[in-house]
Structure formats: structure tokens, C-alpha cells
Amino acid sequence: MANQSNNLVVPQAQAALNRMKYEVATEHGIQLSEGYNGNLTTREAGTIGGNITKRLVQMAEQSLSGATFSNTSR
């Protein structure tokens, strides 16, 4: 059985990640087609993936900056 380490924790997030992928590609002038995009260069794929990661980290930082944590250990 193959290791499936890229399973989404929240499967409903797939649509949001796809929208983000197309948004980032458009912002960087990269043309994506529906479905297979094996014609992308390594640089283009890295640009898209890197910018998605950057946005997700920013979103997590913003979420955490507004969160309050309580110490539940005694």
C-alpha cells in the first residue's frame, strides 16, 4: 500500500486550494488548463506552490495572532 501523506485533513478544502492555485497562476501570468498541467516548467510549478504555501502560512499566522490560549494542564 502506498503512503498517502498528502491527504487533506479537511477534504472540503480541496475546492478552496484549487481556486487559490488558479488565482496565483493568473497573478503570475501562468496559463493553467483544466485537469492535467504537465506542460508547466519546474519554475512555474514552484512559483504556484511556493506562493500558495506563503499565503497559507500568512492565513495561519493571522488566525493564531487573534487566538487566545488557556493553560489547561495542572
C-alpha atoms as a PDB file:
ATOM      1  CA  MET A   1       0.000   0.000   0.000  1.00  0.00           C
ATOM      2  CA  ALA A   2       1.414   3.394  -0.999  1.00  0.00           C
ATOM      3  CA  ASN A   3       1.965   6.127   1.568  1.00  0.00           C
ATOM      4  CA  GLN A   4      -0.716   8.761   1.061  1.00  0.00           C
ATOM      5  CA  SER A   5       0.813  11.623   3.051  1.00  0.00           C
ATOM      6  CA  ASN A   6      -0.889  14.338   1.013  1.00  0.00           C
ATOM      7  CA  ASN A   7      -4.420  13.593   2.215  1.00  0.00           C
ATOM      8  CA  LEU A   8      -6.288  16.715   3.243  1.00  0.00           C
ATOM      9  CA  VAL A   9      -7.293  16.971   6.882  1.00  0.00           C
ATOM     10  CA  VAL A  10     -10.403  18.856   5.757  1.00  0.00           C
ATOM     11  CA  PRO A  11     -11.483  17.352   2.404  1.00  0.00           C
ATOM     12  CA  GLN A  12     -13.770  20.326   1.729  1.00  0.00           C
ATOM     13  CA  ALA A  13     -10.646  22.488   1.474  1.00  0.00           C
ATOM     14  CA  GLN A  14      -9.818  20.989  -1.953  1.00  0.00           C
ATOM     15  CA  ALA A  15     -12.057  23.481  -3.803  1.00  0.00           C
ATOM     16  CA  ALA A  16     -10.508  26.441  -1.971  1.00  0.00           C
ATOM     17  CA  LEU A  17      -6.989  25.188  -2.731  1.00  0.00           C
ATOM     18  CA  ASN A  18      -7.872  24.792  -6.419  1.00  0.00           C
ATOM     19  CA  ARG A  19      -9.252  28.349  -6.544  1.00  0.00           C
ATOM     20  CA  MET A  20      -6.082  29.606  -4.874  1.00  0.00           C
ATOM     21  CA  LYS A  21      -3.959  27.702  -7.415  1.00  0.00           C
ATOM     22  CA  TYR A  22      -5.686  29.351 -10.377  1.00  0.00           C
ATOM     23  CA  GLU A  23      -5.612  32.774  -8.671  1.00  0.00           C
ATOM     24  CA  VAL A  24      -1.857  32.558  -8.017  1.00  0.00           C
ATOM     25  CA  ALA A  25      -1.179  31.295 -11.543  1.00  0.00           C
ATOM     26  CA  THR A  26      -3.152  34.178 -13.062  1.00  0.00           C
ATOM     27  CA  GLU A  27      -1.356  36.746 -10.902  1.00  0.00           C
ATOM     28  CA  HIS A  28       1.991  35.435 -12.165  1.00  0.00           C
ATOM     29  CA  GLY A  29       0.954  35.165 -15.806  1.00  0.00           C
ATOM     30  CA  ILE A  30       0.979  31.370 -15.823  1.00  0.00           C
ATOM     31  CA  GLN A  31      -1.653  29.722 -18.002  1.00  0.00           C
ATOM     32  CA  LEU A  32      -3.293  26.671 -16.420  1.00  0.00           C
ATOM     33  CA  SER A  33      -5.701  24.337 -18.144  1.00  0.00           C
ATOM     34  CA  GLU A  34      -8.423  22.276 -16.501  1.00  0.00           C
ATOM     35  CA  GLY A  35      -7.069  18.906 -15.481  1.00  0.00           C
ATOM     36  CA  TYR A  36      -3.538  17.910 -16.405  1.00  0.00           C
ATOM     37  CA  ASN A  37      -0.863  20.628 -16.339  1.00  0.00           C
ATOM     38  CA  GLY A  38       2.238  18.537 -17.015  1.00  0.00           C
ATOM     39  CA  ASN A  39       3.413  21.125 -19.513  1.00  0.00           C
ATOM     40  CA  LEU A  40       4.369  23.556 -16.722  1.00  0.00           C
ATOM     41  CA  THR A  41       8.032  24.243 -16.193  1.00  0.00           C
ATOM     42  CA  THR A  42       9.559  23.456 -12.829  1.00  0.00           C
ATOM     43  CA  ARG A  43       9.876  27.190 -12.186  1.00  0.00           C
ATOM     44  CA  GLU A  44       6.190  27.789 -12.922  1.00  0.00           C
ATOM     45  CA  ALA A  45       5.042  24.920 -10.719  1.00  0.00           C
ATOM     46  CA  GLY A  46       7.370  26.106  -7.948  1.00  0.00           C
ATOM     47  CA  THR A  47       6.085  29.651  -8.226  1.00  0.00           C
ATOM     48  CA  ILE A  48       2.497  28.473  -7.846  1.00  0.00           C
ATOM     49  CA  GLY A  49       3.235  26.053  -4.996  1.00  0.00           C
ATOM     50  CA  GLY A  50       5.511  28.470  -3.175  1.00  0.00           C
ATOM     51  CA  ASN A  51       3.011  31.295  -3.295  1.00  0.00           C
ATOM     52  CA  ILE A  52       0.187  29.035  -2.133  1.00  0.00           C
ATOM     53  CA  THR A  53       2.344  27.963   0.820  1.00  0.00           C
ATOM     54  CA  LYS A  54       3.208  31.581   1.584  1.00  0.00           C
ATOM     55  CA  ARG A  55      -0.495  32.523   1.618  1.00  0.00           C
ATOM     56  CA  LEU A  56      -1.447  29.562   3.797  1.00  0.00           C
ATOM     57  CA  VAL A  57       1.267  30.467   6.317  1.00  0.00           C
ATOM     58  CA  GLN A  58       0.062  34.090   6.362  1.00  0.00           C
ATOM     59  CA  MET A  59      -3.509  32.912   6.934  1.00  0.00           C
ATOM     60  CA  ALA A  60      -2.387  30.666   9.806  1.00  0.00           C
ATOM     61  CA  GLU A  61      -0.340  33.474  11.374  1.00  0.00           C
ATOM     62  CA  GLN A  62      -3.320  35.834  11.200  1.00  0.00           C
ATOM     63  CA  SER A  63      -5.556  33.186  12.709  1.00  0.00           C
ATOM     64  CA  LEU A  64      -3.109  32.484  15.523  1.00  0.00           C
ATOM     65  CA  SER A  65      -2.485  36.157  16.260  1.00  0.00           C
ATOM     66  CA  GLY A  66      -6.155  36.582  17.117  1.00  0.00           C
ATOM     67  CA  ALA A  67      -6.403  33.355  19.097  1.00  0.00           C
ATOM     68  CA  THR A  68      -6.174  33.188  22.844  1.00  0.00           C
ATOM     69  CA  PHE A  69      -4.784  30.131  24.517  1.00  0.00           C
ATOM     70  CA  SER A  70      -5.511  28.931  28.017  1.00  0.00           C
ATOM     71  CA  ASN A  71      -3.286  26.660  30.011  1.00  0.00           C
ATOM     72  CA  THR A  72      -5.345  23.534  30.670  1.00  0.00           C
ATOM     73  CA  SER A  73      -2.572  21.500  32.259  1.00  0.00           C
ATOM     74  CA  ARG A  74      -2.465  21.394  36.051  1.00  0.00           C
END
